[in-house]
Protein backbone atom coordinates (compact mmCIF):
# COMPACT_ATOMS: atom_id res chain seq x y z
CA UNK A 1 84.51 -2.23 -74.11
CA UNK A 2 83.54 -0.83 -70.72
CA UNK A 3 86.16 -0.01 -68.10
CA UNK A 4 85.06 -2.88 -65.86
CA UNK A 5 85.17 -5.33 -68.74
CA UNK A 6 88.53 -4.01 -69.83
CA UNK A 7 89.94 -4.64 -66.35
CA UNK A 8 88.60 -8.18 -66.34
CA UNK A 9 89.88 -9.46 -69.68
CA UNK A 10 92.55 -7.00 -70.83
CA UNK A 11 95.29 -9.41 -69.70
CA UNK A 12 94.08 -12.10 -72.13
CA UNK A 13 92.33 -10.13 -74.88
CA UNK A 14 93.62 -7.03 -76.66
CA UNK A 15 91.35 -4.47 -78.28
CA UNK A 16 92.25 -5.85 -81.74
CA UNK A 17 91.33 -9.40 -80.68
CA UNK A 18 88.08 -8.13 -79.19
CA UNK A 19 87.23 -6.45 -82.50
CA UNK A 20 88.11 -9.66 -84.41
CA UNK A 21 85.75 -11.61 -82.14
CA UNK A 22 83.02 -9.01 -82.69
CA UNK A 23 83.42 -9.28 -86.46
CA UNK A 24 83.43 -13.08 -86.24
CA UNK A 25 80.16 -13.03 -84.26
CA UNK A 26 78.64 -10.67 -86.86
CA UNK A 27 79.60 -13.12 -89.63
CA UNK A 28 78.16 -16.09 -87.73
CA UNK A 29 74.90 -14.38 -86.79
CA UNK A 30 74.02 -11.67 -89.29
CA UNK A 31 71.17 -9.60 -88.02
CA UNK A 32 70.11 -6.29 -86.63
CA UNK A 33 71.33 -6.94 -83.07
CA UNK A 34 74.38 -9.21 -82.95
CA UNK A 35 75.82 -10.14 -79.57
CA UNK A 36 79.04 -8.85 -78.13
CA UNK A 37 81.95 -11.15 -77.24
CA UNK A 38 81.23 -10.66 -73.56
CA UNK A 39 77.66 -11.89 -73.95
CA UNK A 40 78.43 -14.56 -76.55
CA UNK A 41 81.21 -16.36 -74.69
CA UNK A 42 81.58 -17.39 -71.02
CA UNK A 43 80.02 -14.69 -68.83
CA UNK A 44 80.41 -15.51 -65.13
CA UNK A 45 82.91 -12.79 -64.21
CA UNK A 46 82.73 -13.66 -60.51
CA UNK A 47 84.15 -17.15 -61.06
CA UNK A 48 87.79 -17.57 -60.06
CA UNK A 49 88.60 -19.27 -63.37
CA UNK A 50 86.80 -16.62 -65.45
CA UNK A 51 89.68 -15.80 -67.78
CA UNK A 52 90.54 -19.40 -68.61
CA UNK A 53 86.90 -20.33 -69.11
CA UNK A 54 86.37 -17.28 -71.33
CA UNK A 55 89.36 -18.29 -73.48
CA UNK A 56 88.20 -21.93 -73.59
CA UNK A 57 84.72 -20.88 -74.71
CA UNK A 58 86.25 -18.70 -77.46
CA UNK A 59 88.31 -21.65 -78.70
CA UNK A 60 85.37 -24.08 -78.55
CA UNK A 61 82.92 -21.84 -80.40
CA UNK A 62 85.35 -20.69 -83.09
CA UNK A 63 86.62 -24.23 -83.75
CA UNK A 64 83.13 -25.76 -83.84
CA UNK A 65 82.01 -23.07 -86.29
CA UNK A 66 84.99 -23.89 -88.54
CA UNK A 67 83.98 -27.54 -88.71
CA UNK A 68 85.02 -30.79 -87.17
CA UNK A 69 84.35 -31.50 -83.54
CA UNK A 70 85.86 -29.52 -80.68
CA UNK A 71 85.13 -30.69 -77.17
CA UNK A 72 86.27 -30.21 -73.63
CA UNK A 73 87.00 -33.64 -72.16
CA UNK A 74 84.86 -34.40 -69.13
CA UNK A 75 87.66 -35.62 -66.92
CA UNK A 76 87.04 -33.72 -63.74
CA UNK A 77 84.67 -35.90 -61.72
CA UNK A 78 81.48 -35.09 -59.91
CA UNK A 79 80.31 -33.40 -56.76
CA UNK A 80 78.20 -35.40 -54.30
CA UNK A 81 76.05 -33.77 -51.63
CA UNK A 82 76.68 -35.47 -48.26
CA UNK A 83 74.88 -32.90 -46.14
CA UNK A 84 71.92 -33.73 -43.94
CA UNK A 85 69.60 -31.81 -41.68
CA UNK A 86 69.63 -32.68 -37.99
CA UNK A 87 67.74 -31.34 -35.01
CA UNK A 88 69.80 -30.24 -32.03
CA UNK A 89 68.77 -30.45 -28.35
CA UNK A 90 67.03 -27.08 -28.56
CA UNK A 91 64.81 -28.32 -31.38
CA UNK A 92 66.49 -26.21 -34.04
CA UNK A 93 67.27 -27.59 -37.47
CA UNK A 94 70.87 -27.46 -38.59
CA UNK A 95 72.53 -28.55 -41.80
CA UNK A 96 75.72 -30.54 -41.31
CA UNK A 97 78.11 -31.97 -43.86
CA UNK A 98 78.69 -30.57 -47.30
CA UNK A 99 79.75 -31.51 -50.78
CA UNK A 100 82.45 -34.05 -51.58
CA UNK A 101 84.29 -34.10 -54.90
CA UNK A 102 84.87 -37.57 -56.35
CA UNK A 103 87.19 -38.06 -59.32
CA UNK A 104 86.15 -40.29 -62.19
CA UNK A 105 88.02 -43.58 -62.62
CA UNK A 106 88.72 -43.06 -66.31
CA UNK A 107 90.54 -39.73 -65.95
CA UNK A 108 93.45 -39.29 -68.35
CA UNK A 109 95.92 -37.23 -66.36
CA UNK A 110 97.42 -34.28 -68.20
CA UNK A 111 94.99 -34.28 -71.12
CA UNK A 112 94.61 -31.03 -73.03
CA UNK A 113 91.80 -28.63 -72.14
CA UNK A 114 90.24 -28.86 -75.61
CA UNK A 115 90.50 -31.58 -78.23
CA UNK A 116 89.47 -30.66 -81.78
CA UNK A 117 89.19 -33.18 -84.60
CA UNK A 118 89.52 -31.23 -87.85
CA UNK A 119 90.32 -32.61 -91.32
CA UNK A 120 91.26 -36.03 -89.89
CA UNK A 121 93.77 -34.47 -87.50
CA UNK A 122 93.63 -34.14 -83.75
CA UNK A 123 94.38 -30.63 -82.52
CA UNK A 124 94.99 -30.21 -78.78
CA UNK A 125 94.60 -26.79 -77.14
CA UNK A 126 96.05 -26.27 -73.66
CA UNK A 127 94.95 -23.02 -71.96
CA UNK A 128 97.30 -21.38 -69.46
CA UNK A 129 96.59 -17.95 -68.01
CA UNK A 130 99.20 -15.59 -66.60
CA UNK A 131 102.13 -17.35 -64.96
CA UNK A 132 100.51 -20.80 -65.11
CA UNK A 133 102.89 -23.56 -66.16
CA UNK A 134 102.37 -27.07 -67.46
CA UNK A 135 102.55 -29.92 -64.98
CA UNK A 136 104.81 -32.89 -65.66
CA UNK A 137 101.76 -34.94 -66.70
CA UNK A 138 100.78 -32.23 -69.21
CA UNK A 139 104.31 -32.12 -70.62
CA UNK A 140 104.22 -35.92 -71.02
CA UNK A 141 100.83 -35.64 -72.76
CA UNK A 142 102.22 -32.97 -75.09
CA UNK A 143 105.17 -35.22 -76.01
CA UNK A 144 102.78 -38.14 -76.60
CA UNK A 145 100.60 -35.98 -78.86
CA UNK A 146 103.55 -34.72 -80.89
CA UNK A 147 104.93 -38.27 -81.22
CA UNK A 148 101.54 -39.40 -82.59
CA UNK A 149 101.54 -36.61 -85.21
CA UNK A 150 98.86 -34.61 -83.39
CA UNK A 151 98.96 -30.82 -83.22
CA UNK A 152 99.44 -29.38 -79.73
CA UNK A 153 99.17 -25.68 -78.94
CA UNK A 154 99.74 -23.89 -75.65
CA UNK A 155 97.60 -20.73 -75.63
CA UNK A 156 97.79 -17.93 -73.06
CA UNK A 157 95.73 -15.18 -74.70
CA UNK A 158 92.94 -14.72 -77.22
CA UNK A 159 95.48 -12.96 -79.45
CA UNK A 160 97.71 -16.06 -79.53
CA UNK A 161 94.74 -18.26 -80.37
CA UNK A 162 93.59 -15.99 -83.20
CA UNK A 163 97.13 -15.82 -84.61
CA UNK A 164 97.49 -19.63 -84.62
CA UNK A 165 93.94 -20.13 -85.91
CA UNK A 166 94.33 -17.73 -88.84
CA UNK A 167 97.83 -19.01 -89.68
CA UNK A 168 97.10 -22.77 -89.52
CA UNK A 169 93.41 -23.19 -90.26
C-alpha cells in the first residue's frame, strides 16, 4: 500500500485486512492482472464520506459474492436542480439558484446501511466510522431487528467486518 493510501484508510483497514481483501479479489477474479482493493472497491478519495463508502462497498461486494442479496436501501431522496440563467442589466448571463435536496416519502428512518438476505435470514450491517454513534432512530431499528430474529451488526472497520464474516458465514 502506498503512503498516501495508507494515510487514507489506515484508520479503518489494517495491513492484514488489506491482504485478506487482496486474496479475496484474487479468488474471485483469477487472472494475470487482478485488481487491488483500492481499485476494486469505492475509489473517490476526495469525497467526505470516503471511508464509510469504502467499507460499505467492501461489505456489499463480499456479501453478494457469498450469495443471497445484499443491497443498500435507497432511502436518501433526490437532488433537484432549481437553477436558471438570467440576464442582468449589463447584458451578462448569470446563473442563479442551485440544487435542492428532497427526501422521499417512503423513507424508513434509522434503517441499516446494508441489508443482506442470506439463507432465509435478514442480516443488517450498520457502518459507523471513527467516533460516530447511532442515533435514537437507529437504536430503535436495531431493537426491532433483534426482536424479529434478524441479525444486526455494527461495523467500524474492515477488520471487524472480516472477523464477523469469517466467524458467522
